[in-house]
Amino acid sequence: MEVKLIKKKENQAIVEIKGADHTIVNAIRRELWQDEKVDAAVYTIEHSLISQPRLIVNTKNPKKAMIDAAERLHKQNKEMETLFKKLK
């Protein structure tokens, strides 16, 4: 995957996530909504065959919010990995 900053305003960032699909981008979007400092978090994929997902985040510090959301998702995934490994 590759993340590219498309547009940056004072309280908004738009990033393109090359190689991602609905699953990853929607998980990030949902996790961003768990942050009470985030005013809005949405994503769009203009054309499913030729477009890359774009994530739009409105908050005072969009970069920090995205990093924090990714860290929380990483922690959740590690917990799931541990649970799956315990299965017999």
N, C-alpha and C. Protein backbone atom coordinates (compact mmCIF):
# COMPACT_ATOMS: atom_id res chain seq x y z
N MET A 1 0.84 -1.18 0.00
CA MET A 1 0.00 0.00 0.00
C MET A 1 0.88 1.24 0.00
N GLU A 2 0.31 2.29 -0.49
CA GLU A 2 1.00 3.58 -0.54
C GLU A 2 -0.02 4.66 -0.20
N VAL A 3 0.38 5.59 0.67
CA VAL A 3 -0.50 6.69 1.06
C VAL A 3 0.07 7.98 0.51
N LYS A 4 -0.78 8.75 -0.17
CA LYS A 4 -0.36 9.99 -0.80
C LYS A 4 -1.28 11.12 -0.34
N LEU A 5 -0.69 12.21 0.13
CA LEU A 5 -1.47 13.38 0.51
C LEU A 5 -1.95 14.08 -0.75
N ILE A 6 -3.26 14.20 -0.88
CA ILE A 6 -3.86 14.85 -2.05
C ILE A 6 -4.11 16.33 -1.79
N LYS A 7 -4.64 16.62 -0.60
CA LYS A 7 -4.99 18.00 -0.27
C LYS A 7 -4.90 18.19 1.24
N LYS A 8 -4.37 19.32 1.65
CA LYS A 8 -4.27 19.62 3.08
C LYS A 8 -4.75 21.03 3.30
N LYS A 9 -5.75 21.17 4.16
CA LYS A 9 -6.22 22.47 4.61
C LYS A 9 -5.97 22.54 6.11
N GLU A 10 -6.36 23.64 6.71
CA GLU A 10 -6.11 23.82 8.14
C GLU A 10 -6.68 22.67 8.98
N ASN A 11 -7.92 22.30 8.75
CA ASN A 11 -8.57 21.26 9.56
C ASN A 11 -9.05 20.08 8.72
N GLN A 12 -8.42 19.85 7.58
CA GLN A 12 -8.84 18.75 6.71
C GLN A 12 -7.66 18.19 5.95
N ALA A 13 -7.69 16.88 5.79
CA ALA A 13 -6.71 16.22 4.94
C ALA A 13 -7.45 15.23 4.05
N ILE A 14 -6.99 15.14 2.81
CA ILE A 14 -7.49 14.14 1.88
C ILE A 14 -6.29 13.31 1.46
N VAL A 15 -6.37 12.00 1.69
CA VAL A 15 -5.27 11.12 1.32
C VAL A 15 -5.79 10.02 0.41
N GLU A 16 -4.94 9.62 -0.50
CA GLU A 16 -5.25 8.52 -1.41
C GLU A 16 -4.47 7.30 -0.91
N ILE A 17 -5.15 6.17 -0.82
CA ILE A 17 -4.53 4.96 -0.31
C ILE A 17 -4.47 3.94 -1.44
N LYS A 18 -3.34 3.94 -2.13
CA LYS A 18 -3.16 3.07 -3.29
C LYS A 18 -3.01 1.62 -2.82
N GLY A 19 -3.76 0.75 -3.45
CA GLY A 19 -3.69 -0.67 -3.12
C GLY A 19 -4.66 -1.11 -2.04
N ALA A 20 -5.44 -0.17 -1.51
CA ALA A 20 -6.42 -0.51 -0.47
C ALA A 20 -7.77 -0.78 -1.13
N ASP A 21 -8.64 -1.42 -0.37
CA ASP A 21 -10.01 -1.65 -0.84
C ASP A 21 -10.98 -1.17 0.23
N HIS A 22 -12.26 -1.43 0.02
CA HIS A 22 -13.29 -0.99 0.97
C HIS A 22 -13.01 -1.50 2.38
N THR A 23 -12.52 -2.71 2.51
CA THR A 23 -12.33 -3.32 3.83
C THR A 23 -11.39 -2.48 4.69
N ILE A 24 -10.23 -2.17 4.17
CA ILE A 24 -9.24 -1.41 4.95
C ILE A 24 -9.70 0.02 5.18
N VAL A 25 -10.15 0.68 4.13
CA VAL A 25 -10.50 2.10 4.25
C VAL A 25 -11.72 2.27 5.15
N ASN A 26 -12.67 1.37 5.07
CA ASN A 26 -13.85 1.46 5.93
C ASN A 26 -13.46 1.22 7.39
N ALA A 27 -12.54 0.31 7.65
CA ALA A 27 -12.08 0.08 9.02
C ALA A 27 -11.42 1.33 9.58
N ILE A 28 -10.60 1.99 8.79
CA ILE A 28 -9.96 3.23 9.23
C ILE A 28 -11.00 4.31 9.48
N ARG A 29 -11.94 4.42 8.55
CA ARG A 29 -13.01 5.43 8.70
C ARG A 29 -13.80 5.19 9.98
N ARG A 30 -14.17 3.95 10.22
CA ARG A 30 -14.94 3.64 11.44
C ARG A 30 -14.13 3.93 12.70
N GLU A 31 -12.85 3.63 12.65
CA GLU A 31 -12.00 3.89 13.82
C GLU A 31 -11.83 5.38 14.04
N LEU A 32 -11.73 6.15 12.97
CA LEU A 32 -11.64 7.61 13.11
C LEU A 32 -12.87 8.17 13.82
N TRP A 33 -14.04 7.60 13.53
CA TRP A 33 -15.27 8.08 14.16
C TRP A 33 -15.30 7.81 15.66
N GLN A 34 -14.43 6.92 16.14
CA GLN A 34 -14.34 6.65 17.58
C GLN A 34 -13.60 7.76 18.33
N ASP A 35 -12.92 8.60 17.59
CA ASP A 35 -12.17 9.72 18.16
C ASP A 35 -13.10 10.93 18.28
N GLU A 36 -13.34 11.36 19.50
CA GLU A 36 -14.28 12.47 19.71
C GLU A 36 -13.79 13.80 19.13
N LYS A 37 -12.51 13.88 18.80
CA LYS A 37 -11.97 15.10 18.21
C LYS A 37 -12.18 15.16 16.70
N VAL A 38 -12.57 14.05 16.10
CA VAL A 38 -12.78 14.01 14.65
C VAL A 38 -14.19 14.51 14.33
N ASP A 39 -14.26 15.52 13.49
CA ASP A 39 -15.54 16.09 13.09
C ASP A 39 -16.19 15.29 11.97
N ALA A 40 -15.38 14.76 11.07
CA ALA A 40 -15.90 13.97 9.95
C ALA A 40 -14.80 13.05 9.43
N ALA A 41 -15.23 11.87 9.00
CA ALA A 41 -14.31 10.92 8.38
C ALA A 41 -15.12 10.13 7.35
N VAL A 42 -14.77 10.29 6.09
CA VAL A 42 -15.47 9.61 5.01
C VAL A 42 -14.45 9.13 3.99
N TYR A 43 -14.89 8.23 3.14
CA TYR A 43 -14.02 7.84 2.04
C TYR A 43 -14.85 7.69 0.79
N THR A 44 -14.14 7.75 -0.33
CA THR A 44 -14.79 7.60 -1.61
C THR A 44 -13.89 6.79 -2.54
N ILE A 45 -14.52 6.01 -3.39
CA ILE A 45 -13.82 5.34 -4.48
C ILE A 45 -14.64 5.67 -5.72
N GLU A 46 -14.12 6.56 -6.56
CA GLU A 46 -14.89 7.06 -7.69
C GLU A 46 -15.26 5.97 -8.68
N HIS A 47 -14.33 5.11 -8.99
CA HIS A 47 -14.62 4.00 -9.91
C HIS A 47 -13.91 2.76 -9.38
N SER A 48 -14.66 1.71 -9.14
CA SER A 48 -14.11 0.53 -8.47
C SER A 48 -12.99 -0.16 -9.23
N LEU A 49 -12.91 0.01 -10.52
CA LEU A 49 -11.89 -0.66 -11.31
C LEU A 49 -10.63 0.18 -11.55
N ILE A 50 -10.78 1.49 -11.56
CA ILE A 50 -9.62 2.32 -11.94
C ILE A 50 -9.23 3.37 -10.90
N SER A 51 -10.03 3.57 -9.87
CA SER A 51 -9.75 4.62 -8.89
C SER A 51 -9.19 4.04 -7.60
N GLN A 52 -8.42 4.86 -6.91
CA GLN A 52 -7.91 4.51 -5.60
C GLN A 52 -8.79 5.15 -4.53
N PRO A 53 -8.93 4.51 -3.38
CA PRO A 53 -9.74 5.11 -2.31
C PRO A 53 -9.14 6.41 -1.82
N ARG A 54 -10.01 7.35 -1.52
CA ARG A 54 -9.60 8.61 -0.92
C ARG A 54 -10.31 8.77 0.42
N LEU A 55 -9.52 9.02 1.44
CA LEU A 55 -10.02 9.21 2.79
C LEU A 55 -9.98 10.70 3.10
N ILE A 56 -11.11 11.22 3.60
CA ILE A 56 -11.23 12.64 3.92
C ILE A 56 -11.47 12.74 5.42
N VAL A 57 -10.60 13.47 6.10
CA VAL A 57 -10.68 13.59 7.56
C VAL A 57 -10.72 15.06 7.94
N ASN A 58 -11.75 15.42 8.71
CA ASN A 58 -11.89 16.79 9.22
C ASN A 58 -11.70 16.76 10.73
N THR A 59 -10.66 17.40 11.19
CA THR A 59 -10.36 17.55 12.61
C THR A 59 -9.22 18.54 12.75
N LYS A 60 -8.92 18.92 13.95
CA LYS A 60 -7.87 19.91 14.17
C LYS A 60 -6.51 19.42 13.68
N ASN A 61 -6.23 18.13 13.88
CA ASN A 61 -4.96 17.56 13.45
C ASN A 61 -5.21 16.25 12.72
N PRO A 62 -5.55 16.30 11.42
CA PRO A 62 -5.92 15.09 10.68
C PRO A 62 -4.82 14.03 10.66
N LYS A 63 -3.57 14.44 10.53
CA LYS A 63 -2.48 13.45 10.48
C LYS A 63 -2.41 12.65 11.78
N LYS A 64 -2.47 13.33 12.90
CA LYS A 64 -2.44 12.64 14.20
C LYS A 64 -3.63 11.72 14.36
N ALA A 65 -4.81 12.17 13.94
CA ALA A 65 -6.01 11.35 14.05
C ALA A 65 -5.88 10.07 13.23
N MET A 66 -5.31 10.17 12.02
CA MET A 66 -5.13 8.98 11.18
C MET A 66 -4.10 8.03 11.78
N ILE A 67 -3.02 8.58 12.32
CA ILE A 67 -2.00 7.74 12.95
C ILE A 67 -2.59 7.03 14.17
N ASP A 68 -3.32 7.78 15.00
CA ASP A 68 -3.93 7.18 16.19
C ASP A 68 -4.91 6.07 15.82
N ALA A 69 -5.71 6.31 14.79
CA ALA A 69 -6.68 5.30 14.34
C ALA A 69 -5.95 4.05 13.84
N ALA A 70 -4.89 4.23 13.08
CA ALA A 70 -4.12 3.09 12.58
C ALA A 70 -3.50 2.30 13.73
N GLU A 71 -3.01 3.00 14.76
CA GLU A 71 -2.42 2.32 15.91
C GLU A 71 -3.47 1.52 16.67
N ARG A 72 -4.67 2.08 16.82
CA ARG A 72 -5.74 1.34 17.51
C ARG A 72 -6.14 0.10 16.72
N LEU A 73 -6.23 0.24 15.40
CA LEU A 73 -6.57 -0.92 14.56
C LEU A 73 -5.48 -1.98 14.64
N HIS A 74 -4.25 -1.57 14.66
CA HIS A 74 -3.13 -2.51 14.77
C HIS A 74 -3.24 -3.30 16.08
N LYS A 75 -3.53 -2.61 17.15
CA LYS A 75 -3.68 -3.27 18.46
C LYS A 75 -4.84 -4.27 18.42
N GLN A 76 -5.96 -3.88 17.84
CA GLN A 76 -7.11 -4.78 17.74
C GLN A 76 -6.76 -6.01 16.91
N ASN A 77 -6.02 -5.82 15.82
CA ASN A 77 -5.64 -6.95 14.97
C ASN A 77 -4.70 -7.90 15.70
N LYS A 78 -3.78 -7.36 16.49
CA LYS A 78 -2.87 -8.21 17.26
C LYS A 78 -3.66 -9.03 18.29
N GLU A 79 -4.67 -8.41 18.91
CA GLU A 79 -5.52 -9.13 19.86
C GLU A 79 -6.28 -10.25 19.16
N MET A 80 -6.80 -9.98 17.97
CA MET A 80 -7.52 -11.01 17.21
C MET A 80 -6.58 -12.14 16.82
N GLU A 81 -5.36 -11.81 16.43
CA GLU A 81 -4.37 -12.82 16.07
C GLU A 81 -4.12 -13.74 17.26
N THR A 82 -3.98 -13.17 18.45
CA THR A 82 -3.77 -13.98 19.65
C THR A 82 -4.94 -14.90 19.90
N LEU A 83 -6.16 -14.39 19.76
CA LEU A 83 -7.35 -15.21 19.96
C LEU A 83 -7.44 -16.35 18.94
N PHE A 84 -7.14 -16.05 17.70
CA PHE A 84 -7.18 -17.09 16.66
C PHE A 84 -6.14 -18.17 16.92
N LYS A 85 -4.98 -17.79 17.41
CA LYS A 85 -3.93 -18.77 17.69
C LYS A 85 -4.31 -19.70 18.82
N LYS A 86 -5.20 -19.25 19.70
CA LYS A 86 -5.65 -20.07 20.83
C LYS A 86 -6.69 -21.11 20.43
N LEU A 87 -7.26 -20.95 19.23
CA LEU A 87 -8.27 -21.91 18.77
C LEU A 87 -7.64 -23.30 18.62
N LYS A 88 -8.44 -24.29 18.97
CA LYS A 88 -7.94 -25.68 18.85
C LYS A 88 -8.57 -26.38 17.70
